[in-house]
Amino acid sequence: MEKKLIGRKEKITLPDLGLKSVWAKIDTGAFTSSLHAEKIREVEVDGKMMLKFEILMPAHKDFTGKTLTFENYKQTKVKNSFGQAEIRYLIVTNIKIAGEVFAAEFTLSDRSSMKNSILLGRKILQDKFLVDVNRVNLSKAYRKK
């Protein structure tokens, strides 16, 4: 498969999460992708553990305040941006970027102190994309009009 060229920031869609054309930072230094989430909690529903959370920050223009529920999730250890190991919840959801749709892993974290609510790491990018750090929104060329 030929790799598509993307920039350092791209508009992505996370259809299962109700997000369409939201900005994500491309970070080739990060292995895992990350999504800002708040009010993260595990709850028991009909004998099954479920993960509930809200995505994006209330000030974000695409914030809905809607609580999302995932039955399939796990906890994983990741190194944060300061190099410290921490346990985070990990979900798998579909992502659409540059006309491609595929399942991707995202850890849920507090990114309120960061400029971007969504970060795409190497695991999502490898074998699919090349990154031009001088440009942004190159994926628009692949989106169907």
C-alpha atoms as a PDB file:
ATOM      1  CA  MET A   1       0.000   0.000   0.000  1.00  0.00           C
ATOM      2  CA  GLU A   2       1.336   3.419  -0.898  1.00  0.00           C
ATOM      3  CA  LYS A   3       1.731   5.699   2.101  1.00  0.00           C
ATOM      4  CA  LYS A   4      -0.272   8.905   2.149  1.00  0.00           C
ATOM      5  CA  LEU A   5       1.314  12.217   3.082  1.00  0.00           C
ATOM      6  CA  ILE A   6      -0.102  13.976   6.142  1.00  0.00           C
ATOM      7  CA  GLY A   7       0.981  17.051   8.072  1.00  0.00           C
ATOM      8  CA  ARG A   8       1.800  17.762  11.718  1.00  0.00           C
ATOM      9  CA  LYS A   9      -1.889  18.469  12.436  1.00  0.00           C
ATOM     10  CA  GLU A  10      -4.771  16.805  10.630  1.00  0.00           C
ATOM     11  CA  LYS A  11      -8.541  16.778  10.704  1.00  0.00           C
ATOM     12  CA  ILE A  12      -9.811  13.340  11.646  1.00  0.00           C
ATOM     13  CA  THR A  13     -13.191  11.739  12.230  1.00  0.00           C
ATOM     14  CA  LEU A  14     -13.943   9.340  15.075  1.00  0.00           C
ATOM     15  CA  PRO A  15     -17.390   8.162  13.923  1.00  0.00           C
ATOM     16  CA  ASP A  16     -18.102   5.843  16.877  1.00  0.00           C
ATOM     17  CA  LEU A  17     -17.438   8.747  19.258  1.00  0.00           C
ATOM     18  CA  GLY A  18     -19.555  11.251  17.343  1.00  0.00           C
ATOM     19  CA  LEU A  19     -16.587  13.411  16.315  1.00  0.00           C
ATOM     20  CA  LYS A  20     -16.371  14.678  12.745  1.00  0.00           C
ATOM     21  CA  SER A  21     -13.462  16.679  11.296  1.00  0.00           C
ATOM     22  CA  VAL A  22     -11.684  17.464  14.570  1.00  0.00           C
ATOM     23  CA  TRP A  23      -8.048  18.495  14.783  1.00  0.00           C
ATOM     24  CA  ALA A  24      -5.478  15.968  15.956  1.00  0.00           C
ATOM     25  CA  LYS A  25      -1.766  16.496  16.541  1.00  0.00           C
ATOM     26  CA  ILE A  26       0.474  14.019  14.753  1.00  0.00           C
ATOM     27  CA  ASP A  27       3.245  12.935  17.138  1.00  0.00           C
ATOM     28  CA  THR A  28       5.833  10.545  15.728  1.00  0.00           C
ATOM     29  CA  GLY A  29       7.606  10.627  19.094  1.00  0.00           C
ATOM     30  CA  ALA A  30       4.630   8.998  20.817  1.00  0.00           C
ATOM     31  CA  PHE A  31       3.915   5.316  20.289  1.00  0.00           C
ATOM     32  CA  THR A  32       0.315   5.306  21.505  1.00  0.00           C
ATOM     33  CA  SER A  33      -2.480   7.644  20.476  1.00  0.00           C
ATOM     34  CA  SER A  34      -4.289   9.592  23.160  1.00  0.00           C
ATOM     35  CA  LEU A  35      -7.677  11.208  23.569  1.00  0.00           C
ATOM     36  CA  HIS A  36      -8.652  13.757  26.194  1.00  0.00           C
ATOM     37  CA  ALA A  37     -11.318  12.290  28.472  1.00  0.00           C
ATOM     38  CA  GLU A  38     -12.982  13.428  31.673  1.00  0.00           C
ATOM     39  CA  LYS A  39     -15.193  11.771  34.291  1.00  0.00           C
ATOM     40  CA  ILE A  40     -13.588   8.403  33.475  1.00  0.00           C
ATOM     41  CA  ARG A  41     -15.113   5.654  35.568  1.00  0.00           C
ATOM     42  CA  GLU A  42     -15.869   1.942  35.570  1.00  0.00           C
ATOM     43  CA  VAL A  43     -19.440   0.988  36.354  1.00  0.00           C
ATOM     44  CA  GLU A  44     -21.227  -2.335  36.552  1.00  0.00           C
ATOM     45  CA  VAL A  45     -24.171  -2.705  34.173  1.00  0.00           C
ATOM     46  CA  ASP A  46     -26.111  -5.972  34.154  1.00  0.00           C
ATOM     47  CA  GLY A  47     -23.178  -7.790  35.745  1.00  0.00           C
ATOM     48  CA  LYS A  48     -20.631  -6.458  33.223  1.00  0.00           C
ATOM     49  CA  MET A  49     -17.999  -3.833  33.868  1.00  0.00           C
ATOM     50  CA  MET A  50     -18.298  -0.861  31.525  1.00  0.00           C
ATOM     51  CA  LEU A  51     -16.106   2.175  31.001  1.00  0.00           C
ATOM     52  CA  LYS A  52     -17.884   5.534  30.928  1.00  0.00           C
ATOM     53  CA  PHE A  53     -16.323   8.889  30.057  1.00  0.00           C
ATOM     54  CA  GLU A  54     -16.778  12.230  28.314  1.00  0.00           C
ATOM     55  CA  ILE A  55     -14.428  13.290  25.538  1.00  0.00           C
ATOM     56  CA  LEU A  56     -12.877  16.662  24.799  1.00  0.00           C
ATOM     57  CA  MET A  57     -12.915  19.629  27.142  1.00  0.00           C
ATOM     58  CA  PRO A  58     -16.057  21.678  27.805  1.00  0.00           C
ATOM     59  CA  ALA A  59     -14.396  24.672  26.078  1.00  0.00           C
ATOM     60  CA  HIS A  60     -13.732  22.629  22.888  1.00  0.00           C
ATOM     61  CA  LYS A  61     -16.046  23.636  20.048  1.00  0.00           C
ATOM     62  CA  ASP A  62     -16.932  19.967  19.388  1.00  0.00           C
ATOM     63  CA  PHE A  63     -17.653  19.148  23.053  1.00  0.00           C
ATOM     64  CA  THR A  64     -21.053  17.478  23.423  1.00  0.00           C
ATOM     65  CA  GLY A  65     -21.065  16.596  27.115  1.00  0.00           C
ATOM     66  CA  LYS A  66     -22.357  13.191  26.066  1.00  0.00           C
ATOM     67  CA  THR A  67     -21.194  10.241  28.174  1.00  0.00           C
ATOM     68  CA  LEU A  68     -19.732   7.442  26.067  1.00  0.00           C
ATOM     69  CA  THR A  69     -19.857   3.822  27.219  1.00  0.00           C
ATOM     70  CA  PHE A  70     -17.434   1.086  26.193  1.00  0.00           C
ATOM     71  CA  GLU A  71     -17.789  -2.578  27.071  1.00  0.00           C
ATOM     72  CA  ASN A  72     -14.506  -3.563  25.464  1.00  0.00           C
ATOM     73  CA  TYR A  73     -11.583  -1.765  27.057  1.00  0.00           C
ATOM     74  CA  LYS A  74      -8.474  -2.547  29.033  1.00  0.00           C
ATOM     75  CA  GLN A  75      -5.888  -0.896  31.188  1.00  0.00           C
ATOM     76  CA  THR A  76      -2.365  -0.436  29.900  1.00  0.00           C
ATOM     77  CA  LYS A  77       0.862   1.083  31.110  1.00  0.00           C
ATOM     78  CA  VAL A  78       2.184   4.017  29.077  1.00  0.00           C
ATOM     79  CA  LYS A  79       4.948   6.543  29.518  1.00  0.00           C
ATOM     80  CA  ASN A  80       3.538  10.044  29.717  1.00  0.00           C
ATOM     81  CA  SER A  81       5.127  13.083  28.099  1.00  0.00           C
ATOM     82  CA  PHE A  82       7.386  13.455  31.156  1.00  0.00           C
ATOM     83  CA  GLY A  83       8.694   9.882  30.842  1.00  0.00           C
ATOM     84  CA  GLN A  84       6.812   8.561  33.880  1.00  0.00           C
ATOM     85  CA  ALA A  85       4.880   5.293  33.611  1.00  0.00           C
ATOM     86  CA  GLU A  86       1.171   5.524  34.314  1.00  0.00           C
ATOM     87  CA  ILE A  87      -1.825   3.230  33.951  1.00  0.00           C
ATOM     88  CA  ARG A  88      -4.455   4.404  31.479  1.00  0.00           C
ATOM     89  CA  TYR A  89      -7.637   3.008  30.046  1.00  0.00           C
ATOM     90  CA  LEU A  90      -7.362   1.953  26.415  1.00  0.00           C
ATOM     91  CA  ILE A  91     -10.231   1.742  23.919  1.00  0.00           C
ATOM     92  CA  VAL A  92     -10.374   0.661  20.289  1.00  0.00           C
ATOM     93  CA  THR A  93     -12.485   2.782  17.968  1.00  0.00           C
ATOM     94  CA  ASN A  94     -12.668   3.556  14.271  1.00  0.00           C
ATOM     95  CA  ILE A  95     -10.733   6.493  12.890  1.00  0.00           C
ATOM     96  CA  LYS A  96     -11.046   8.150   9.498  1.00  0.00           C
ATOM     97  CA  ILE A  97      -8.026  10.072   8.252  1.00  0.00           C
ATOM     98  CA  ALA A  98      -6.975  10.893   4.685  1.00  0.00           C
ATOM     99  CA  GLY A  99      -9.840   8.820   3.290  1.00  0.00           C
ATOM    100  CA  GLU A 100      -8.764   5.702   5.223  1.00  0.00           C
ATOM    101  CA  VAL A 101     -10.973   4.109   7.884  1.00  0.00           C
ATOM    102  CA  PHE A 102      -9.517   1.613  10.337  1.00  0.00           C
ATOM    103  CA  ALA A 103      -9.674   0.512  13.966  1.00  0.00           C
ATOM    104  CA  ALA A 104      -7.212   2.288  16.240  1.00  0.00           C
ATOM    105  CA  GLU A 105      -6.217   2.174  19.891  1.00  0.00           C
ATOM    106  CA  PHE A 106      -6.507   5.300  22.024  1.00  0.00           C
ATOM    107  CA  THR A 107      -5.583   5.746  25.643  1.00  0.00           C
ATOM    108  CA  LEU A 108      -7.764   8.086  27.677  1.00  0.00           C
ATOM    109  CA  SER A 109      -5.904  10.813  29.524  1.00  0.00           C
ATOM    110  CA  ASP A 110      -6.179  14.293  30.924  1.00  0.00           C
ATOM    111  CA  ARG A 111      -4.831  16.477  28.128  1.00  0.00           C
ATOM    112  CA  SER A 112      -6.358  19.679  29.533  1.00  0.00           C
ATOM    113  CA  SER A 113      -2.907  21.236  29.905  1.00  0.00           C
ATOM    114  CA  MET A 114      -2.026  20.337  26.302  1.00  0.00           C
ATOM    115  CA  LYS A 115      -2.836  22.361  23.211  1.00  0.00           C
ATOM    116  CA  ASN A 116      -4.467  19.416  21.394  1.00  0.00           C
ATOM    117  CA  SER A 117      -7.188  17.134  22.761  1.00  0.00           C
ATOM    118  CA  ILE A 118      -6.256  14.311  20.382  1.00  0.00           C
ATOM    119  CA  LEU A 119      -2.778  12.986  19.675  1.00  0.00           C
ATOM    120  CA  LEU A 120      -1.984  10.377  17.020  1.00  0.00           C
ATOM    121  CA  GLY A 121       1.093   8.266  17.701  1.00  0.00           C
ATOM    122  CA  ARG A 122       3.289   5.955  15.631  1.00  0.00           C
ATOM    123  CA  LYS A 123       1.180   2.836  16.147  1.00  0.00           C
ATOM    124  CA  ILE A 124      -1.683   4.360  14.113  1.00  0.00           C
ATOM    125  CA  LEU A 125       0.624   5.961  11.547  1.00  0.00           C
ATOM    126  CA  GLN A 126       3.065   3.161  10.756  1.00  0.00           C
ATOM    127  CA  ASP A 127       2.840   1.554   7.321  1.00  0.00           C
ATOM    128  CA  LYS A 128       0.058   3.981   6.308  1.00  0.00           C
ATOM    129  CA  PHE A 129       1.352   7.552   6.411  1.00  0.00           C
ATOM    130  CA  LEU A 130       4.380   9.779   5.932  1.00  0.00           C
ATOM    131  CA  VAL A 131       4.469  12.990   7.965  1.00  0.00           C
ATOM    132  CA  ASP A 132       5.557  16.378   6.593  1.00  0.00           C
ATOM    133  CA  VAL A 133       6.216  18.382   9.766  1.00  0.00           C
ATOM    134  CA  ASN A 134       6.225  21.672   7.839  1.00  0.00           C
ATOM    135  CA  ARG A 135       2.570  21.437   6.801  1.00  0.00           C
ATOM    136  CA  VAL A 136      -0.922  20.898   8.218  1.00  0.00           C
ATOM    137  CA  ASN A 137      -4.179  19.411   6.921  1.00  0.00           C
ATOM    138  CA  LEU A 138      -2.639  17.540   3.982  1.00  0.00           C
ATOM    139  CA  SER A 139      -5.248  14.786   4.400  1.00  0.00           C
ATOM    140  CA  LYS A 140      -7.903  17.076   2.893  1.00  0.00           C
ATOM    141  CA  ALA A 141      -6.516  16.136  -0.536  1.00  0.00           C
ATOM    142  CA  TYR A 142      -7.638  12.520   0.081  1.00  0.00           C
ATOM    143  CA  ARG A 143     -11.088  13.326   1.438  1.00  0.00           C
ATOM    144  CA  LYS A 144     -13.909  12.734  -1.006  1.00  0.00           C
ATOM    145  CA  LYS A 145     -15.737  15.926  -1.868  1.00  0.00           C
END
